[in-house]
């Protein structure tokens, strides 16, 4: 597991801060909770992409619902906000 995968796994597990990764090792752990095992991190890293896609899809659906309610297109909304 590389550093990027470790970071994604920790984020998926809810550790948004309090850690640092150097190379392929966690080199700093400042969280009150115990450091997750490599297996837990690896499993969570595999879920990261799926979670990110689901969140992006939910955000896009919510955005479209608002646009539909307002009766405007995404381009029109961009003009209003830009």
C-alpha atoms as a PDB file:
ATOM      1  CA  UNK A   1       0.000   0.000   0.000  1.00  0.00           C
ATOM      2  CA  UNK A   2       1.410   3.377  -0.960  1.00  0.00           C
ATOM      3  CA  UNK A   3       1.088   6.692   0.851  1.00  0.00           C
ATOM      4  CA  UNK A   4      -1.813   7.890  -1.280  1.00  0.00           C
ATOM      5  CA  UNK A   5      -3.806   4.730  -0.530  1.00  0.00           C
ATOM      6  CA  UNK A   6      -3.058   5.045   3.191  1.00  0.00           C
ATOM      7  CA  UNK A   7      -4.308   8.645   3.125  1.00  0.00           C
ATOM      8  CA  UNK A   8      -7.503   7.678   1.322  1.00  0.00           C
ATOM      9  CA  UNK A   9      -8.093   4.841   3.773  1.00  0.00           C
ATOM     10  CA  UNK A  10      -7.632   7.103   6.782  1.00  0.00           C
ATOM     11  CA  UNK A  11      -9.988   9.685   5.306  1.00  0.00           C
ATOM     12  CA  UNK A  12     -12.570   6.988   4.602  1.00  0.00           C
ATOM     13  CA  UNK A  13     -12.294   5.874   8.227  1.00  0.00           C
ATOM     14  CA  UNK A  14     -13.039   9.432   9.355  1.00  0.00           C
ATOM     15  CA  UNK A  15      -9.527  10.553  10.294  1.00  0.00           C
ATOM     16  CA  UNK A  16      -9.440  13.954   8.602  1.00  0.00           C
ATOM     17  CA  UNK A  17      -6.416  15.194  10.531  1.00  0.00           C
ATOM     18  CA  UNK A  18      -3.926  14.248  13.203  1.00  0.00           C
ATOM     19  CA  UNK A  19      -1.771  12.020  11.048  1.00  0.00           C
ATOM     20  CA  UNK A  20       1.011  12.165   8.491  1.00  0.00           C
ATOM     21  CA  UNK A  21       2.222   9.619   5.979  1.00  0.00           C
ATOM     22  CA  UNK A  22       5.769   9.433   4.683  1.00  0.00           C
ATOM     23  CA  UNK A  23       6.354   6.969   1.896  1.00  0.00           C
ATOM     24  CA  UNK A  24       4.305   3.927   2.766  1.00  0.00           C
ATOM     25  CA  UNK A  25       4.177   4.436   6.552  1.00  0.00           C
ATOM     26  CA  UNK A  26       2.143   6.472   9.005  1.00  0.00           C
ATOM     27  CA  UNK A  27       4.846   8.568  10.640  1.00  0.00           C
ATOM     28  CA  UNK A  28       2.662  10.756  12.859  1.00  0.00           C
ATOM     29  CA  UNK A  29      -0.459   9.786  14.799  1.00  0.00           C
ATOM     30  CA  UNK A  30      -2.020  12.416  17.046  1.00  0.00           C
ATOM     31  CA  UNK A  31      -5.570  11.062  17.306  1.00  0.00           C
ATOM     32  CA  UNK A  32      -7.096   9.842  20.561  1.00  0.00           C
ATOM     33  CA  UNK A  33      -8.412   6.740  18.812  1.00  0.00           C
ATOM     34  CA  UNK A  34      -5.980   3.903  18.210  1.00  0.00           C
ATOM     35  CA  UNK A  35      -4.296   3.783  14.840  1.00  0.00           C
ATOM     36  CA  UNK A  36      -6.211   1.461  12.484  1.00  0.00           C
ATOM     37  CA  UNK A  37      -4.549  -1.738  11.351  1.00  0.00           C
ATOM     38  CA  UNK A  38      -3.071  -1.997   7.853  1.00  0.00           C
ATOM     39  CA  UNK A  39      -5.964  -4.317   6.902  1.00  0.00           C
ATOM     40  CA  UNK A  40      -8.561  -1.795   8.090  1.00  0.00           C
ATOM     41  CA  UNK A  41      -6.813   0.974   6.177  1.00  0.00           C
ATOM     42  CA  UNK A  42      -6.519  -1.139   3.029  1.00  0.00           C
ATOM     43  CA  UNK A  43     -10.200  -2.114   3.099  1.00  0.00           C
ATOM     44  CA  UNK A  44     -11.240   1.503   3.681  1.00  0.00           C
ATOM     45  CA  UNK A  45      -8.985   2.724   0.854  1.00  0.00           C
ATOM     46  CA  UNK A  46     -10.833   0.418  -1.538  1.00  0.00           C
ATOM     47  CA  UNK A  47     -14.129   2.058  -0.528  1.00  0.00           C
ATOM     48  CA  UNK A  48     -12.782   5.607  -0.946  1.00  0.00           C
ATOM     49  CA  UNK A  49     -13.401   5.894  -4.699  1.00  0.00           C
ATOM     50  CA  UNK A  50     -16.922   4.480  -4.392  1.00  0.00           C
ATOM     51  CA  UNK A  51     -17.717   6.905  -1.585  1.00  0.00           C
ATOM     52  CA  UNK A  52     -16.355   9.875  -3.525  1.00  0.00           C
ATOM     53  CA  UNK A  53     -18.396   8.953  -6.602  1.00  0.00           C
ATOM     54  CA  UNK A  54     -21.569   8.532  -4.527  1.00  0.00           C
ATOM     55  CA  UNK A  55     -21.045  11.910  -2.841  1.00  0.00           C
ATOM     56  CA  UNK A  56     -20.438  13.616  -6.185  1.00  0.00           C
ATOM     57  CA  UNK A  57     -23.555  12.023  -7.642  1.00  0.00           C
ATOM     58  CA  UNK A  58     -25.665  13.089  -4.646  1.00  0.00           C
ATOM     59  CA  UNK A  59     -24.338  16.648  -4.940  1.00  0.00           C
ATOM     60  CA  UNK A  60     -25.100  16.760  -8.673  1.00  0.00           C
ATOM     61  CA  UNK A  61     -28.621  15.442  -8.077  1.00  0.00           C
ATOM     62  CA  UNK A  62     -29.261  18.052  -5.380  1.00  0.00           C
ATOM     63  CA  UNK A  63     -27.863  20.808  -7.611  1.00  0.00           C
ATOM     64  CA  UNK A  64     -30.119  19.734 -10.484  1.00  0.00           C
ATOM     65  CA  UNK A  65     -33.156  19.624  -8.184  1.00  0.00           C
ATOM     66  CA  UNK A  66     -32.508  23.239  -7.164  1.00  0.00           C
ATOM     67  CA  UNK A  67     -32.056  24.308 -10.782  1.00  0.00           C
ATOM     68  CA  UNK A  68     -35.298  22.556 -11.723  1.00  0.00           C
ATOM     69  CA  UNK A  69     -37.134  24.242  -8.851  1.00  0.00           C
ATOM     70  CA  UNK A  70     -35.812  27.632  -9.965  1.00  0.00           C
ATOM     71  CA  UNK A  71     -36.528  26.873 -13.607  1.00  0.00           C
ATOM     72  CA  UNK A  72     -33.033  27.762 -14.814  1.00  0.00           C
ATOM     73  CA  UNK A  73     -30.183  25.921 -16.510  1.00  0.00           C
ATOM     74  CA  UNK A  74     -26.743  25.298 -15.082  1.00  0.00           C
ATOM     75  CA  UNK A  75     -25.325  27.893 -17.504  1.00  0.00           C
ATOM     76  CA  UNK A  76     -27.843  30.473 -16.309  1.00  0.00           C
ATOM     77  CA  UNK A  77     -26.973  29.711 -12.679  1.00  0.00           C
ATOM     78  CA  UNK A  78     -23.278  30.148 -13.475  1.00  0.00           C
ATOM     79  CA  UNK A  79     -24.027  33.567 -14.968  1.00  0.00           C
ATOM     80  CA  UNK A  80     -25.932  34.566 -11.847  1.00  0.00           C
ATOM     81  CA  UNK A  81     -23.163  33.401  -9.520  1.00  0.00           C
ATOM     82  CA  UNK A  82     -20.242  34.502 -11.652  1.00  0.00           C
END
